[in-house]
Amino acid sequence: LALKPGSGPSQATMDGGSFRCELVGTTATGKQVRGRISDSGDPGNRATTKFVCEAALTLVRDHDQLPTAAGTGGVMTPASGLGAPYATRLRAAGMVLAAPT
């Protein structure tokens, strides 16, 4: 069920939120790796918009630097398909992408 225009969260609510996500993965060799992504602003409104817009800009402006430019392909995650150029754009837009300390 869609909200009617103007019935979503207030500007203050969208600006006042934040998120922090700790990521844990295991490599093919069994090594554990960790990462963190965080940003200010409501994750459902501010961060999602930032993710989508920066992904679009990466596809348009950095297409020759993408991991898929080498001819690999298939269904990929944003990280594997957009790679380092996407991470660079997200950092420039204010997101923190880092290994936890």
C-alpha atoms as a PDB file:
ATOM      1  CA  LEU A   1       0.000   0.000   0.000  1.00  0.00           C
ATOM      2  CA  ALA A   2       1.628   3.253  -1.150  1.00  0.00           C
ATOM      3  CA  LEU A   3       1.647   6.394   0.931  1.00  0.00           C
ATOM      4  CA  LYS A   4       0.009   9.492  -0.460  1.00  0.00           C
ATOM      5  CA  PRO A   5       2.398  12.301  -1.458  1.00  0.00           C
ATOM      6  CA  GLY A   6       3.374  14.361   1.560  1.00  0.00           C
ATOM      7  CA  SER A   7       2.401  11.694   4.106  1.00  0.00           C
ATOM      8  CA  GLY A   8       5.898  10.253   4.596  1.00  0.00           C
ATOM      9  CA  PRO A   9       8.416  11.156   7.279  1.00  0.00           C
ATOM     10  CA  SER A  10       9.154  14.783   8.017  1.00  0.00           C
ATOM     11  CA  GLN A  11      12.306  16.562   6.859  1.00  0.00           C
ATOM     12  CA  ALA A  12      13.576  16.542  10.444  1.00  0.00           C
ATOM     13  CA  THR A  13      13.020  12.795  10.739  1.00  0.00           C
ATOM     14  CA  MET A  14      14.829  12.091   7.461  1.00  0.00           C
ATOM     15  CA  ASP A  15      17.739  14.352   8.382  1.00  0.00           C
ATOM     16  CA  GLY A  16      17.938  13.199  12.014  1.00  0.00           C
ATOM     17  CA  GLY A  17      18.432   9.474  11.473  1.00  0.00           C
ATOM     18  CA  SER A  18      21.544   7.453  10.851  1.00  0.00           C
ATOM     19  CA  PHE A  19      22.687   3.902  10.306  1.00  0.00           C
ATOM     20  CA  ARG A  20      25.721   1.726  10.908  1.00  0.00           C
ATOM     21  CA  CYS A  21      26.117  -1.768   9.518  1.00  0.00           C
ATOM     22  CA  GLU A  22      28.883  -4.151  10.569  1.00  0.00           C
ATOM     23  CA  LEU A  23      29.617  -6.803   7.939  1.00  0.00           C
ATOM     24  CA  VAL A  24      31.348 -10.141   8.499  1.00  0.00           C
ATOM     25  CA  GLY A  25      32.285 -12.537   5.717  1.00  0.00           C
ATOM     26  CA  THR A  26      34.425 -15.578   5.118  1.00  0.00           C
ATOM     27  CA  THR A  27      36.735 -15.940   2.117  1.00  0.00           C
ATOM     28  CA  ALA A  28      37.054 -19.120   0.069  1.00  0.00           C
ATOM     29  CA  THR A  29      40.163 -19.944   2.108  1.00  0.00           C
ATOM     30  CA  GLY A  30      38.321 -19.569   5.415  1.00  0.00           C
ATOM     31  CA  LYS A  31      39.735 -16.185   6.429  1.00  0.00           C
ATOM     32  CA  GLN A  32      37.237 -13.936   8.208  1.00  0.00           C
ATOM     33  CA  VAL A  33      36.928 -10.396   6.848  1.00  0.00           C
ATOM     34  CA  ARG A  34      35.034  -7.464   8.327  1.00  0.00           C
ATOM     35  CA  GLY A  35      33.713  -4.176   7.059  1.00  0.00           C
ATOM     36  CA  ARG A  36      31.513  -1.286   8.115  1.00  0.00           C
ATOM     37  CA  ILE A  37      29.241   1.125   6.302  1.00  0.00           C
ATOM     38  CA  SER A  38      27.568   4.080   8.002  1.00  0.00           C
ATOM     39  CA  ASP A  39      26.035   7.429   7.208  1.00  0.00           C
ATOM     40  CA  SER A  40      23.877  10.149   8.684  1.00  0.00           C
ATOM     41  CA  GLY A  41      20.287  10.616   7.610  1.00  0.00           C
ATOM     42  CA  ASP A  42      17.384   8.191   7.583  1.00  0.00           C
ATOM     43  CA  PRO A  43      18.515   4.940   5.916  1.00  0.00           C
ATOM     44  CA  GLY A  44      15.170   4.371   4.190  1.00  0.00           C
ATOM     45  CA  ASN A  45      15.106   7.797   2.586  1.00  0.00           C
ATOM     46  CA  ARG A  46      18.488   9.509   2.577  1.00  0.00           C
ATOM     47  CA  ALA A  47      20.818   6.508   2.248  1.00  0.00           C
ATOM     48  CA  THR A  48      18.693   4.643  -0.304  1.00  0.00           C
ATOM     49  CA  THR A  49      18.557   7.735  -2.492  1.00  0.00           C
ATOM     50  CA  LYS A  50      22.322   8.157  -2.175  1.00  0.00           C
ATOM     51  CA  PHE A  51      22.956   4.482  -3.056  1.00  0.00           C
ATOM     52  CA  VAL A  52      20.745   4.629  -6.160  1.00  0.00           C
ATOM     53  CA  CYS A  53      21.993   7.987  -7.453  1.00  0.00           C
ATOM     54  CA  GLU A  54      25.667   7.158  -6.945  1.00  0.00           C
ATOM     55  CA  ALA A  55      25.168   3.762  -8.631  1.00  0.00           C
ATOM     56  CA  ALA A  56      23.599   5.491 -11.642  1.00  0.00           C
ATOM     57  CA  LEU A  57      26.433   8.027 -11.812  1.00  0.00           C
ATOM     58  CA  THR A  58      28.981   5.217 -11.578  1.00  0.00           C
ATOM     59  CA  LEU A  59      27.363   3.389 -14.497  1.00  0.00           C
ATOM     60  CA  VAL A  60      27.231   6.527 -16.642  1.00  0.00           C
ATOM     61  CA  ARG A  61      30.480   8.288 -15.781  1.00  0.00           C
ATOM     62  CA  ASP A  62      32.791   5.473 -14.714  1.00  0.00           C
ATOM     63  CA  HIS A  63      31.658   2.602 -16.965  1.00  0.00           C
ATOM     64  CA  ASP A  64      35.169   2.085 -18.376  1.00  0.00           C
ATOM     65  CA  GLN A  65      36.537   1.498 -14.842  1.00  0.00           C
ATOM     66  CA  LEU A  66      33.944  -1.086 -13.772  1.00  0.00           C
ATOM     67  CA  PRO A  67      34.949  -4.674 -13.047  1.00  0.00           C
ATOM     68  CA  THR A  68      32.567  -5.776 -15.818  1.00  0.00           C
ATOM     69  CA  ALA A  69      34.456  -3.661 -18.402  1.00  0.00           C
ATOM     70  CA  ALA A  70      36.858  -6.585 -18.768  1.00  0.00           C
ATOM     71  CA  GLY A  71      34.069  -8.714 -20.253  1.00  0.00           C
ATOM     72  CA  THR A  72      32.945 -10.543 -17.128  1.00  0.00           C
ATOM     73  CA  GLY A  73      29.298 -10.407 -16.295  1.00  0.00           C
ATOM     74  CA  GLY A  74      26.159 -12.118 -15.177  1.00  0.00           C
ATOM     75  CA  VAL A  75      24.030 -11.210 -12.206  1.00  0.00           C
ATOM     76  CA  MET A  76      26.181  -9.278  -9.746  1.00  0.00           C
ATOM     77  CA  THR A  77      25.810  -7.440  -6.472  1.00  0.00           C
ATOM     78  CA  PRO A  78      26.375  -3.663  -6.521  1.00  0.00           C
ATOM     79  CA  ALA A  79      29.784  -4.191  -4.898  1.00  0.00           C
ATOM     80  CA  SER A  80      30.980  -6.779  -7.420  1.00  0.00           C
ATOM     81  CA  GLY A  81      29.439  -5.069 -10.453  1.00  0.00           C
ATOM     82  CA  LEU A  82      30.299  -1.450  -9.642  1.00  0.00           C
ATOM     83  CA  GLY A  83      33.470  -2.063  -7.623  1.00  0.00           C
ATOM     84  CA  ALA A  84      35.925   0.577  -6.468  1.00  0.00           C
ATOM     85  CA  PRO A  85      34.453   3.463  -8.520  1.00  0.00           C
ATOM     86  CA  TYR A  86      31.151   3.037  -6.643  1.00  0.00           C
ATOM     87  CA  ALA A  87      32.885   2.926  -3.258  1.00  0.00           C
ATOM     88  CA  THR A  88      34.804   6.089  -4.167  1.00  0.00           C
ATOM     89  CA  ARG A  89      31.567   7.876  -5.077  1.00  0.00           C
ATOM     90  CA  LEU A  90      29.820   6.767  -1.866  1.00  0.00           C
ATOM     91  CA  ARG A  91      32.736   8.012   0.219  1.00  0.00           C
ATOM     92  CA  ALA A  92      32.734  11.344  -1.647  1.00  0.00           C
ATOM     93  CA  ALA A  93      28.992  11.602  -0.895  1.00  0.00           C
ATOM     94  CA  GLY A  94      29.718  11.294   2.837  1.00  0.00           C
ATOM     95  CA  MET A  95      29.303   7.593   3.583  1.00  0.00           C
ATOM     96  CA  VAL A  96      31.866   5.772   5.691  1.00  0.00           C
ATOM     97  CA  LEU A  97      33.046   2.493   4.143  1.00  0.00           C
ATOM     98  CA  ALA A  98      35.838   0.992   6.206  1.00  0.00           C
ATOM     99  CA  ALA A  99      37.264  -1.956   8.024  1.00  0.00           C
ATOM    100  CA  PRO A 100      36.198  -1.797  11.691  1.00  0.00           C
ATOM    101  CA  THR A 101      38.919  -0.782  14.093  1.00  0.00           C
END
